């Protein structure tokens, strides 16, 4: 939070991991129920 940064460390990568990776943010109060739904997120890189 001090650097305003979120990281994703990816180890043991496989060819099936090939993709465009997107960061997203939300302030939704329903996050604990819906965190895996892309529609929950308000902001995208």
ModelCIF file with pLDDT and N, C-alpha, C, O atoms, coordinates in Angstrom:
data_MODEL
#
_entry.id   MODEL 
#
_entity.id                         1 
_entity.type                       polymer 
_entity.pdbx_number_of_molecules   1 
#
_entity_poly.entity_id                      1 
_entity_poly.type                           'polypeptide(L)' 
_entity_poly.nstd_linkage                   no 
_entity_poly.nstd_monomer                   no 
_entity_poly.pdbx_seq_one_letter_code       
;(UNK)(UNK)(UNK)(UNK)(UNK)(UNK)(UNK)(UNK)(UNK)(UNK)(UNK)(UNK)(UNK)(UNK)(UNK)(UNK)
(UNK)(UNK)(UNK)(UNK)(UNK)(UNK)(UNK)(UNK)(UNK)(UNK)(UNK)(UNK)(UNK)(UNK)(UNK)(UNK)
(UNK)(UNK)(UNK)(UNK)(UNK)(UNK)(UNK)(UNK)(UNK)(UNK)(UNK)(UNK)(UNK)
;
_entity_poly.pdbx_seq_one_letter_code_can   XXXXXXXXXXXXXXXXXXXXXXXXXXXXXXXXXXXXXXXXXXXXX 
_entity_poly.pdbx_strand_id                 A 
#
loop_
_entity_poly_seq.entity_id 
_entity_poly_seq.num 
_entity_poly_seq.mon_id 
_entity_poly_seq.hetero 
1 1  UNK n 
1 2  UNK n 
1 3  UNK n 
1 4  UNK n 
1 5  UNK n 
1 6  UNK n 
1 7  UNK n 
1 8  UNK n 
1 9  UNK n 
1 10 UNK n 
1 11 UNK n 
1 12 UNK n 
1 13 UNK n 
1 14 UNK n 
1 15 UNK n 
1 16 UNK n 
1 17 UNK n 
1 18 UNK n 
1 19 UNK n 
1 20 UNK n 
1 21 UNK n 
1 22 UNK n 
1 23 UNK n 
1 24 UNK n 
1 25 UNK n 
1 26 UNK n 
1 27 UNK n 
1 28 UNK n 
1 29 UNK n 
1 30 UNK n 
1 31 UNK n 
1 32 UNK n 
1 33 UNK n 
1 34 UNK n 
1 35 UNK n 
1 36 UNK n 
1 37 UNK n 
1 38 UNK n 
1 39 UNK n 
1 40 UNK n 
1 41 UNK n 
1 42 UNK n 
1 43 UNK n 
1 44 UNK n 
1 45 UNK n 
#
_struct_asym.id          A 
_struct_asym.entity_id   1 
#
loop_
_ma_qa_metric.id 
_ma_qa_metric.mode 
_ma_qa_metric.name 
_ma_qa_metric.software_group_id 
_ma_qa_metric.type 
1 global pLDDT . pLDDT 
2 local  pLDDT . pLDDT 
#
_ma_qa_metric_global.metric_id      1 
_ma_qa_metric_global.metric_value   94.00 
_ma_qa_metric_global.model_id       1 
_ma_qa_metric_global.ordinal_id     1 
#
loop_
_ma_qa_metric_local.label_asym_id 
_ma_qa_metric_local.label_comp_id 
_ma_qa_metric_local.label_seq_id 
_ma_qa_metric_local.metric_id 
_ma_qa_metric_local.metric_value 
_ma_qa_metric_local.model_id 
_ma_qa_metric_local.ordinal_id 
A UNK 1  2 88.00 1 1  
A UNK 2  2 89.00 1 2  
A UNK 3  2 92.00 1 3  
A UNK 4  2 91.00 1 4  
A UNK 5  2 94.00 1 5  
A UNK 6  2 95.00 1 6  
A UNK 7  2 97.00 1 7  
A UNK 8  2 98.00 1 8  
A UNK 9  2 98.00 1 9  
A UNK 10 2 98.00 1 10 
A UNK 11 2 98.00 1 11 
A UNK 12 2 98.00 1 12 
A UNK 13 2 98.00 1 13 
A UNK 14 2 98.00 1 14 
A UNK 15 2 97.00 1 15 
A UNK 16 2 97.00 1 16 
A UNK 17 2 98.00 1 17 
A UNK 18 2 98.00 1 18 
A UNK 19 2 98.00 1 19 
A UNK 20 2 98.00 1 20 
A UNK 21 2 98.00 1 21 
A UNK 22 2 98.00 1 22 
A UNK 23 2 97.00 1 23 
A UNK 24 2 96.00 1 24 
A UNK 25 2 95.00 1 25 
A UNK 26 2 93.00 1 26 
A UNK 27 2 88.00 1 27 
A UNK 28 2 86.00 1 28 
A UNK 29 2 82.00 1 29 
A UNK 30 2 86.00 1 30 
A UNK 31 2 86.00 1 31 
A UNK 32 2 87.00 1 32 
A UNK 33 2 89.00 1 33 
A UNK 34 2 92.00 1 34 
A UNK 35 2 93.00 1 35 
A UNK 36 2 94.00 1 36 
A UNK 37 2 95.00 1 37 
A UNK 38 2 94.00 1 38 
A UNK 39 2 94.00 1 39 
A UNK 40 2 94.00 1 40 
A UNK 41 2 95.00 1 41 
A UNK 42 2 93.00 1 42 
A UNK 43 2 94.00 1 43 
A UNK 44 2 96.00 1 44 
A UNK 45 2 97.00 1 45 
#
loop_
_atom_site.group_PDB 
_atom_site.id 
_atom_site.type_symbol 
_atom_site.label_atom_id 
_atom_site.label_alt_id 
_atom_site.label_comp_id 
_atom_site.label_asym_id 
_atom_site.label_entity_id 
_atom_site.label_seq_id 
_atom_site.pdbx_PDB_ins_code 
_atom_site.Cartn_x 
_atom_site.Cartn_y 
_atom_site.Cartn_z 
_atom_site.occupancy 
_atom_site.B_iso_or_equiv 
_atom_site.pdbx_formal_charge 
_atom_site.auth_seq_id 
_atom_site.auth_comp_id 
_atom_site.auth_asym_id 
_atom_site.auth_atom_id 
_atom_site.pdbx_PDB_model_num 
ATOM 1   N N  . UNK A 1 1  ? 0.807   -1.207  0.000   1.00 88.00 ? 1  UNK A N  1 
ATOM 2   C CA . UNK A 1 1  ? 0.000   0.000   0.000   1.00 88.00 ? 1  UNK A CA 1 
ATOM 3   C C  . UNK A 1 1  ? 0.848   1.269   0.000   1.00 88.00 ? 1  UNK A C  1 
ATOM 4   O O  . UNK A 1 1  ? 0.425   2.296   -0.531  1.00 88.00 ? 1  UNK A O  1 
ATOM 5   N N  . UNK A 1 2  ? 2.036   1.206   0.589   1.00 89.00 ? 2  UNK A N  1 
ATOM 6   C CA . UNK A 1 2  ? 2.920   2.363   0.599   1.00 89.00 ? 2  UNK A CA 1 
ATOM 7   C C  . UNK A 1 2  ? 3.380   2.734   -0.803  1.00 89.00 ? 2  UNK A C  1 
ATOM 8   O O  . UNK A 1 2  ? 3.661   3.900   -1.079  1.00 89.00 ? 2  UNK A O  1 
ATOM 9   N N  . UNK A 1 3  ? 3.457   1.738   -1.693  1.00 92.00 ? 3  UNK A N  1 
ATOM 10  C CA . UNK A 1 3  ? 3.875   1.973   -3.071  1.00 92.00 ? 3  UNK A CA 1 
ATOM 11  C C  . UNK A 1 3  ? 2.707   1.975   -4.048  1.00 92.00 ? 3  UNK A C  1 
ATOM 12  O O  . UNK A 1 3  ? 2.909   2.107   -5.255  1.00 92.00 ? 3  UNK A O  1 
ATOM 13  N N  . UNK A 1 4  ? 1.493   1.830   -3.539  1.00 91.00 ? 4  UNK A N  1 
ATOM 14  C CA . UNK A 1 4  ? 0.302   1.768   -4.393  1.00 91.00 ? 4  UNK A CA 1 
ATOM 15  C C  . UNK A 1 4  ? 0.468   0.730   -5.502  1.00 91.00 ? 4  UNK A C  1 
ATOM 16  O O  . UNK A 1 4  ? 0.190   1.003   -6.670  1.00 91.00 ? 4  UNK A O  1 
ATOM 17  N N  . UNK A 1 5  ? 0.921   -0.455  -5.122  1.00 94.00 ? 5  UNK A N  1 
ATOM 18  C CA . UNK A 1 5  ? 1.246   -1.477  -6.106  1.00 94.00 ? 5  UNK A CA 1 
ATOM 19  C C  . UNK A 1 5  ? 0.752   -2.849  -5.651  1.00 94.00 ? 5  UNK A C  1 
ATOM 20  O O  . UNK A 1 5  ? 0.852   -3.198  -4.474  1.00 94.00 ? 5  UNK A O  1 
ATOM 21  N N  . UNK A 1 6  ? 0.221   -3.619  -6.596  1.00 95.00 ? 6  UNK A N  1 
ATOM 22  C CA . UNK A 1 6  ? -0.124  -5.008  -6.362  1.00 95.00 ? 6  UNK A CA 1 
ATOM 23  C C  . UNK A 1 6  ? 0.736   -5.862  -7.289  1.00 95.00 ? 6  UNK A C  1 
ATOM 24  O O  . UNK A 1 6  ? 1.001   -5.481  -8.429  1.00 95.00 ? 6  UNK A O  1 
ATOM 25  N N  . UNK A 1 7  ? 1.169   -7.020  -6.789  1.00 97.00 ? 7  UNK A N  1 
ATOM 26  C CA . UNK A 1 7  ? 2.076   -7.886  -7.524  1.00 97.00 ? 7  UNK A CA 1 
ATOM 27  C C  . UNK A 1 7  ? 1.453   -9.251  -7.766  1.00 97.00 ? 7  UNK A C  1 
ATOM 28  O O  . UNK A 1 7  ? 0.561   -9.684  -7.037  1.00 97.00 ? 7  UNK A O  1 
ATOM 29  N N  . UNK A 1 8  ? 1.936   -9.912  -8.795  1.00 98.00 ? 8  UNK A N  1 
ATOM 30  C CA . UNK A 1 8  ? 1.599   -11.306 -9.038  1.00 98.00 ? 8  UNK A CA 1 
ATOM 31  C C  . UNK A 1 8  ? 2.894   -12.046 -9.357  1.00 98.00 ? 8  UNK A C  1 
ATOM 32  O O  . UNK A 1 8  ? 3.455   -11.900 -10.443 1.00 98.00 ? 8  UNK A O  1 
ATOM 33  N N  . UNK A 1 9  ? 3.357   -12.838 -8.399  1.00 98.00 ? 9  UNK A N  1 
ATOM 34  C CA . UNK A 1 9  ? 4.530   -13.672 -8.609  1.00 98.00 ? 9  UNK A CA 1 
ATOM 35  C C  . UNK A 1 9  ? 4.081   -14.979 -9.234  1.00 98.00 ? 9  UNK A C  1 
ATOM 36  O O  . UNK A 1 9  ? 3.248   -15.687 -8.667  1.00 98.00 ? 9  UNK A O  1 
ATOM 37  N N  . UNK A 1 10 ? 4.625   -15.303 -10.396 1.00 98.00 ? 10 UNK A N  1 
ATOM 38  C CA . UNK A 1 10 ? 4.223   -16.485 -11.146 1.00 98.00 ? 10 UNK A CA 1 
ATOM 39  C C  . UNK A 1 10 ? 5.417   -17.425 -11.257 1.00 98.00 ? 10 UNK A C  1 
ATOM 40  O O  . UNK A 1 10 ? 6.423   -17.087 -11.882 1.00 98.00 ? 10 UNK A O  1 
ATOM 41  N N  . UNK A 1 11 ? 5.306   -18.595 -10.656 1.00 98.00 ? 11 UNK A N  1 
ATOM 42  C CA . UNK A 1 11 ? 6.351   -19.604 -10.694 1.00 98.00 ? 11 UNK A CA 1 
ATOM 43  C C  . UNK A 1 11 ? 5.864   -20.843 -11.429 1.00 98.00 ? 11 UNK A C  1 
ATOM 44  O O  . UNK A 1 11 ? 4.664   -21.030 -11.627 1.00 98.00 ? 11 UNK A O  1 
ATOM 45  N N  . UNK A 1 12 ? 6.805   -21.682 -11.828 1.00 98.00 ? 12 UNK A N  1 
ATOM 46  C CA . UNK A 1 12 ? 6.491   -22.937 -12.512 1.00 98.00 ? 12 UNK A CA 1 
ATOM 47  C C  . UNK A 1 12 ? 5.529   -22.716 -13.668 1.00 98.00 ? 12 UNK A C  1 
ATOM 48  O O  . UNK A 1 12 ? 4.526   -23.418 -13.797 1.00 98.00 ? 12 UNK A O  1 
ATOM 49  N N  . UNK A 1 13 ? 5.838   -21.750 -14.493 1.00 98.00 ? 13 UNK A N  1 
ATOM 50  C CA . UNK A 1 13 ? 4.934   -21.362 -15.567 1.00 98.00 ? 13 UNK A CA 1 
ATOM 51  C C  . UNK A 1 13 ? 4.784   -22.468 -16.603 1.00 98.00 ? 13 UNK A C  1 
ATOM 52  O O  . UNK A 1 13 ? 5.724   -23.205 -16.901 1.00 98.00 ? 13 UNK A O  1 
ATOM 53  N N  . UNK A 1 14 ? 3.573   -22.559 -17.138 1.00 98.00 ? 14 UNK A N  1 
ATOM 54  C CA . UNK A 1 14 ? 3.214   -23.550 -18.142 1.00 98.00 ? 14 UNK A CA 1 
ATOM 55  C C  . UNK A 1 14 ? 2.764   -22.849 -19.416 1.00 98.00 ? 14 UNK A C  1 
ATOM 56  O O  . UNK A 1 14 ? 2.323   -21.701 -19.357 1.00 98.00 ? 14 UNK A O  1 
ATOM 57  N N  . UNK A 1 15 ? 2.863   -23.509 -20.562 1.00 97.00 ? 15 UNK A N  1 
ATOM 58  C CA . UNK A 1 15 ? 2.382   -22.883 -21.799 1.00 97.00 ? 15 UNK A CA 1 
ATOM 59  C C  . UNK A 1 15 ? 0.923   -22.435 -21.707 1.00 97.00 ? 15 UNK A C  1 
ATOM 60  O O  . UNK A 1 15 ? 0.552   -21.432 -22.318 1.00 97.00 ? 15 UNK A O  1 
ATOM 61  N N  . UNK A 1 16 ? 0.099   -23.149 -20.964 1.00 97.00 ? 16 UNK A N  1 
ATOM 62  C CA . UNK A 1 16 ? -1.295  -22.770 -20.826 1.00 97.00 ? 16 UNK A CA 1 
ATOM 63  C C  . UNK A 1 16 ? -1.510  -21.510 -19.987 1.00 97.00 ? 16 UNK A C  1 
ATOM 64  O O  . UNK A 1 16 ? -2.633  -21.015 -19.901 1.00 97.00 ? 16 UNK A O  1 
ATOM 65  N N  . UNK A 1 17 ? -0.450  -20.985 -19.369 1.00 98.00 ? 17 UNK A N  1 
ATOM 66  C CA . UNK A 1 17 ? -0.529  -19.701 -18.675 1.00 98.00 ? 17 UNK A CA 1 
ATOM 67  C C  . UNK A 1 17 ? -0.418  -18.526 -19.637 1.00 98.00 ? 17 UNK A C  1 
ATOM 68  O O  . UNK A 1 17 ? -0.614  -17.380 -19.231 1.00 98.00 ? 17 UNK A O  1 
ATOM 69  N N  . UNK A 1 18 ? -0.112  -18.784 -20.888 1.00 98.00 ? 18 UNK A N  1 
ATOM 70  C CA . UNK A 1 18 ? 0.007   -17.726 -21.881 1.00 98.00 ? 18 UNK A CA 1 
ATOM 71  C C  . UNK A 1 18 ? -1.311  -16.971 -22.019 1.00 98.00 ? 18 UNK A C  1 
ATOM 72  O O  . UNK A 1 18 ? -2.351  -17.571 -22.290 1.00 98.00 ? 18 UNK A O  1 
ATOM 73  N N  . UNK A 1 19 ? -1.263  -15.660 -21.834 1.00 98.00 ? 19 UNK A N  1 
ATOM 74  C CA . UNK A 1 19 ? -2.470  -14.838 -21.873 1.00 98.00 ? 19 UNK A CA 1 
ATOM 75  C C  . UNK A 1 19 ? -2.084  -13.381 -21.683 1.00 98.00 ? 19 UNK A C  1 
ATOM 76  O O  . UNK A 1 19 ? -0.942  -13.062 -21.354 1.00 98.00 ? 19 UNK A O  1 
ATOM 77  N N  . UNK A 1 20 ? -3.048  -12.508 -21.896 1.00 98.00 ? 20 UNK A N  1 
ATOM 78  C CA . UNK A 1 20 ? -2.921  -11.126 -21.459 1.00 98.00 ? 20 UNK A CA 1 
ATOM 79  C C  . UNK A 1 20 ? -3.427  -11.063 -20.023 1.00 98.00 ? 20 UNK A C  1 
ATOM 80  O O  . UNK A 1 20 ? -4.533  -11.517 -19.730 1.00 98.00 ? 20 UNK A O  1 
ATOM 81  N N  . UNK A 1 21 ? -2.629  -10.510 -19.141 1.00 98.00 ? 21 UNK A N  1 
ATOM 82  C CA . UNK A 1 21 ? -2.968  -10.425 -17.727 1.00 98.00 ? 21 UNK A CA 1 
ATOM 83  C C  . UNK A 1 21 ? -3.410  -9.009  -17.382 1.00 98.00 ? 21 UNK A C  1 
ATOM 84  O O  . UNK A 1 21 ? -2.754  -8.032  -17.742 1.00 98.00 ? 21 UNK A O  1 
ATOM 85  N N  . UNK A 1 22 ? -4.528  -8.918  -16.683 1.00 98.00 ? 22 UNK A N  1 
ATOM 86  C CA . UNK A 1 22 ? -5.128  -7.640  -16.330 1.00 98.00 ? 22 UNK A CA 1 
ATOM 87  C C  . UNK A 1 22 ? -5.221  -7.476  -14.821 1.00 98.00 ? 22 UNK A C  1 
ATOM 88  O O  . UNK A 1 22 ? -5.574  -8.413  -14.106 1.00 98.00 ? 22 UNK A O  1 
ATOM 89  N N  . UNK A 1 23 ? -4.907  -6.298  -14.352 1.00 97.00 ? 23 UNK A N  1 
ATOM 90  C CA . UNK A 1 23 ? -5.110  -5.918  -12.966 1.00 97.00 ? 23 UNK A CA 1 
ATOM 91  C C  . UNK A 1 23 ? -6.438  -5.181  -12.850 1.00 97.00 ? 23 UNK A C  1 
ATOM 92  O O  . UNK A 1 23 ? -6.803  -4.413  -13.741 1.00 97.00 ? 23 UNK A O  1 
ATOM 93  N N  . UNK A 1 24 ? -7.162  -5.410  -11.760 1.00 96.00 ? 24 UNK A N  1 
ATOM 94  C CA . UNK A 1 24 ? -8.451  -4.774  -11.554 1.00 96.00 ? 24 UNK A CA 1 
ATOM 95  C C  . UNK A 1 24 ? -8.630  -4.395  -10.093 1.00 96.00 ? 24 UNK A C  1 
ATOM 96  O O  . UNK A 1 24 ? -8.021  -4.993  -9.205  1.00 96.00 ? 24 UNK A O  1 
ATOM 97  N N  . UNK A 1 25 ? -9.472  -3.394  -9.852  1.00 95.00 ? 25 UNK A N  1 
ATOM 98  C CA . UNK A 1 25 ? -9.705  -2.894  -8.496  1.00 95.00 ? 25 UNK A CA 1 
ATOM 99  C C  . UNK A 1 25 ? -11.193 -2.663  -8.263  1.00 95.00 ? 25 UNK A C  1 
ATOM 100 O O  . UNK A 1 25 ? -11.932 -2.301  -9.178  1.00 95.00 ? 25 UNK A O  1 
ATOM 101 N N  . UNK A 1 26 ? -11.618 -2.881  -7.012  1.00 93.00 ? 26 UNK A N  1 
ATOM 102 C CA . UNK A 1 26 ? -12.995 -2.628  -6.632  1.00 93.00 ? 26 UNK A CA 1 
ATOM 103 C C  . UNK A 1 26 ? -13.065 -2.206  -5.179  1.00 93.00 ? 26 UNK A C  1 
ATOM 104 O O  . UNK A 1 26 ? -12.220 -2.584  -4.368  1.00 93.00 ? 26 UNK A O  1 
ATOM 105 N N  . UNK A 1 27 ? -14.075 -1.422  -4.860  1.00 88.00 ? 27 UNK A N  1 
ATOM 106 C CA . UNK A 1 27 ? -14.353 -1.051  -3.484  1.00 88.00 ? 27 UNK A CA 1 
ATOM 107 C C  . UNK A 1 27 ? -15.671 -1.674  -3.025  1.00 88.00 ? 27 UNK A C  1 
ATOM 108 O O  . UNK A 1 27 ? -16.203 -1.310  -1.976  1.00 88.00 ? 27 UNK A O  1 
ATOM 109 N N  . UNK A 1 28 ? -16.188 -2.603  -3.805  1.00 86.00 ? 28 UNK A N  1 
ATOM 110 C CA . UNK A 1 28 ? -17.472 -3.233  -3.538  1.00 86.00 ? 28 UNK A CA 1 
ATOM 111 C C  . UNK A 1 28 ? -17.516 -3.897  -2.168  1.00 86.00 ? 28 UNK A C  1 
ATOM 112 O O  . UNK A 1 28 ? -16.565 -4.558  -1.751  1.00 86.00 ? 28 UNK A O  1 
ATOM 113 N N  . UNK A 1 29 ? -18.632 -3.711  -1.477  1.00 82.00 ? 29 UNK A N  1 
ATOM 114 C CA . UNK A 1 29 ? -18.840 -4.358  -0.186  1.00 82.00 ? 29 UNK A CA 1 
ATOM 115 C C  . UNK A 1 29 ? -19.131 -5.845  -0.321  1.00 82.00 ? 29 UNK A C  1 
ATOM 116 O O  . UNK A 1 29 ? -19.142 -6.565  0.677   1.00 82.00 ? 29 UNK A O  1 
ATOM 117 N N  . UNK A 1 30 ? -19.368 -6.314  -1.541  1.00 86.00 ? 30 UNK A N  1 
ATOM 118 C CA . UNK A 1 30 ? -19.646 -7.722  -1.802  1.00 86.00 ? 30 UNK A CA 1 
ATOM 119 C C  . UNK A 1 30 ? -18.413 -8.505  -2.212  1.00 86.00 ? 30 UNK A C  1 
ATOM 120 O O  . UNK A 1 30 ? -18.532 -9.625  -2.711  1.00 86.00 ? 30 UNK A O  1 
ATOM 121 N N  . UNK A 1 31 ? -17.243 -7.944  -2.014  1.00 86.00 ? 31 UNK A N  1 
ATOM 122 C CA . UNK A 1 31 ? -16.019 -8.545  -2.530  1.00 86.00 ? 31 UNK A CA 1 
ATOM 123 C C  . UNK A 1 31 ? -15.818 -9.980  -2.058  1.00 86.00 ? 31 UNK A C  1 
ATOM 124 O O  . UNK A 1 31 ? -15.429 -10.831 -2.857  1.00 86.00 ? 31 UNK A O  1 
ATOM 125 N N  . UNK A 1 32 ? -16.068 -10.269 -0.804  1.00 87.00 ? 32 UNK A N  1 
ATOM 126 C CA . UNK A 1 32 ? -15.807 -11.604 -0.282  1.00 87.00 ? 32 UNK A CA 1 
ATOM 127 C C  . UNK A 1 32 ? -16.703 -12.662 -0.904  1.00 87.00 ? 32 UNK A C  1 
ATOM 128 O O  . UNK A 1 32 ? -16.374 -13.848 -0.875  1.00 87.00 ? 32 UNK A O  1 
ATOM 129 N N  . UNK A 1 33 ? -17.826 -12.248 -1.465  1.00 89.00 ? 33 UNK A N  1 
ATOM 130 C CA . UNK A 1 33 ? -18.736 -13.169 -2.126  1.00 89.00 ? 33 UNK A CA 1 
ATOM 131 C C  . UNK A 1 33 ? -18.467 -13.280 -3.622  1.00 89.00 ? 33 UNK A C  1 
ATOM 132 O O  . UNK A 1 33 ? -18.714 -14.328 -4.219  1.00 89.00 ? 33 UNK A O  1 
ATOM 133 N N  . UNK A 1 34 ? -17.962 -12.206 -4.237  1.00 92.00 ? 34 UNK A N  1 
ATOM 134 C CA . UNK A 1 34 ? -17.942 -12.107 -5.686  1.00 92.00 ? 34 UNK A CA 1 
ATOM 135 C C  . UNK A 1 34 ? -16.570 -11.808 -6.272  1.00 92.00 ? 34 UNK A C  1 
ATOM 136 O O  . UNK A 1 34 ? -16.482 -11.312 -7.395  1.00 92.00 ? 34 UNK A O  1 
ATOM 137 N N  . UNK A 1 35 ? -15.505 -12.093 -5.543  1.00 93.00 ? 35 UNK A N  1 
ATOM 138 C CA . UNK A 1 35 ? -14.171 -11.668 -5.958  1.00 93.00 ? 35 UNK A CA 1 
ATOM 139 C C  . UNK A 1 35 ? -13.709 -12.270 -7.280  1.00 93.00 ? 35 UNK A C  1 
ATOM 140 O O  . UNK A 1 35 ? -12.845 -11.696 -7.943  1.00 93.00 ? 35 UNK A O  1 
ATOM 141 N N  . UNK A 1 36 ? -14.265 -13.411 -7.679  1.00 94.00 ? 36 UNK A N  1 
ATOM 142 C CA . UNK A 1 36 ? -13.844 -14.071 -8.908  1.00 94.00 ? 36 UNK A CA 1 
ATOM 143 C C  . UNK A 1 36 ? -14.638 -13.626 -10.139 1.00 94.00 ? 36 UNK A C  1 
ATOM 144 O O  . UNK A 1 36 ? -14.383 -14.112 -11.240 1.00 94.00 ? 36 UNK A O  1 
ATOM 145 N N  . UNK A 1 37 ? -15.575 -12.728 -9.971  1.00 95.00 ? 37 UNK A N  1 
ATOM 146 C CA . UNK A 1 37 ? -16.391 -12.253 -11.081 1.00 95.00 ? 37 UNK A CA 1 
ATOM 147 C C  . UNK A 1 37 ? -15.824 -10.948 -11.632 1.00 95.00 ? 37 UNK A C  1 
ATOM 148 O O  . UNK A 1 37 ? -15.693 -9.961  -10.908 1.00 95.00 ? 37 UNK A O  1 
ATOM 149 N N  . UNK A 1 38 ? -15.495 -10.954 -12.899 1.00 94.00 ? 38 UNK A N  1 
ATOM 150 C CA . UNK A 1 38 ? -14.895 -9.767  -13.498 1.00 94.00 ? 38 UNK A CA 1 
ATOM 151 C C  . UNK A 1 38 ? -15.830 -8.564  -13.444 1.00 94.00 ? 38 UNK A C  1 
ATOM 152 O O  . UNK A 1 38 ? -15.368 -7.424  -13.376 1.00 94.00 ? 38 UNK A O  1 
ATOM 153 N N  . UNK A 1 39 ? -17.143 -8.807  -13.474 1.00 94.00 ? 39 UNK A N  1 
ATOM 154 C CA . UNK A 1 39 ? -18.106 -7.722  -13.442 1.00 94.00 ? 39 UNK A CA 1 
ATOM 155 C C  . UNK A 1 39 ? -18.134 -6.947  -12.145 1.00 94.00 ? 39 UNK A C  1 
ATOM 156 O O  . UNK A 1 39 ? -18.700 -5.855  -12.096 1.00 94.00 ? 39 UNK A O  1 
ATOM 157 N N  . UNK A 1 40 ? -17.539 -7.479  -11.096 1.00 94.00 ? 40 UNK A N  1 
ATOM 158 C CA . UNK A 1 40 ? -17.487 -6.792  -9.809  1.00 94.00 ? 40 UNK A CA 1 
ATOM 159 C C  . UNK A 1 40 ? -16.531 -5.599  -9.841  1.00 94.00 ? 40 UNK A C  1 
ATOM 160 O O  . UNK A 1 40 ? -16.717 -4.633  -9.101  1.00 94.00 ? 40 UNK A O  1 
ATOM 161 N N  . UNK A 1 41 ? -15.527 -5.665  -10.681 1.00 95.00 ? 41 UNK A N  1 
ATOM 162 C CA . UNK A 1 41 ? -14.438 -4.701  -10.617 1.00 95.00 ? 41 UNK A CA 1 
ATOM 163 C C  . UNK A 1 41 ? -14.748 -3.427  -11.397 1.00 95.00 ? 41 UNK A C  1 
ATOM 164 O O  . UNK A 1 41 ? -15.284 -3.472  -12.505 1.00 95.00 ? 41 UNK A O  1 
ATOM 165 N N  . UNK A 1 42 ? -14.404 -2.302  -10.802 1.00 93.00 ? 42 UNK A N  1 
ATOM 166 C CA . UNK A 1 42 ? -14.727 -0.996  -11.353 1.00 93.00 ? 42 UNK A CA 1 
ATOM 167 C C  . UNK A 1 42 ? -13.628 -0.430  -12.240 1.00 93.00 ? 42 UNK A C  1 
ATOM 168 O O  . UNK A 1 42 ? -13.910 0.333   -13.165 1.00 93.00 ? 42 UNK A O  1 
ATOM 169 N N  . UNK A 1 43 ? -12.383 -0.792  -11.971 1.00 94.00 ? 43 UNK A N  1 
ATOM 170 C CA . UNK A 1 43 ? -11.241 -0.218  -12.666 1.00 94.00 ? 43 UNK A CA 1 
ATOM 171 C C  . UNK A 1 43 ? -10.338 -1.324  -13.191 1.00 94.00 ? 43 UNK A C  1 
ATOM 172 O O  . UNK A 1 43 ? -10.114 -2.331  -12.520 1.00 94.00 ? 43 UNK A O  1 
ATOM 173 N N  . UNK A 1 44 ? -9.821  -1.123  -14.404 1.00 96.00 ? 44 UNK A N  1 
ATOM 174 C CA . UNK A 1 44 ? -8.990  -2.112  -15.086 1.00 96.00 ? 44 UNK A CA 1 
ATOM 175 C C  . UNK A 1 44 ? -7.762  -1.472  -15.702 1.00 96.00 ? 44 UNK A C  1 
ATOM 176 O O  . UNK A 1 44 ? -7.815  -0.345  -16.195 1.00 96.00 ? 44 UNK A O  1 
ATOM 177 N N  . UNK A 1 45 ? -6.654  -2.200  -15.672 1.00 97.00 ? 45 UNK A N  1 
ATOM 178 C CA . UNK A 1 45 ? -5.473  -1.784  -16.396 1.00 97.00 ? 45 UNK A CA 1 
ATOM 179 C C  . UNK A 1 45 ? -5.570  -2.172  -17.855 1.00 97.00 ? 45 UNK A C  1 
ATOM 180 O O  . UNK A 1 45 ? -4.653  -1.898  -18.629 1.00 97.00 ? 45 UNK A O  1 
#
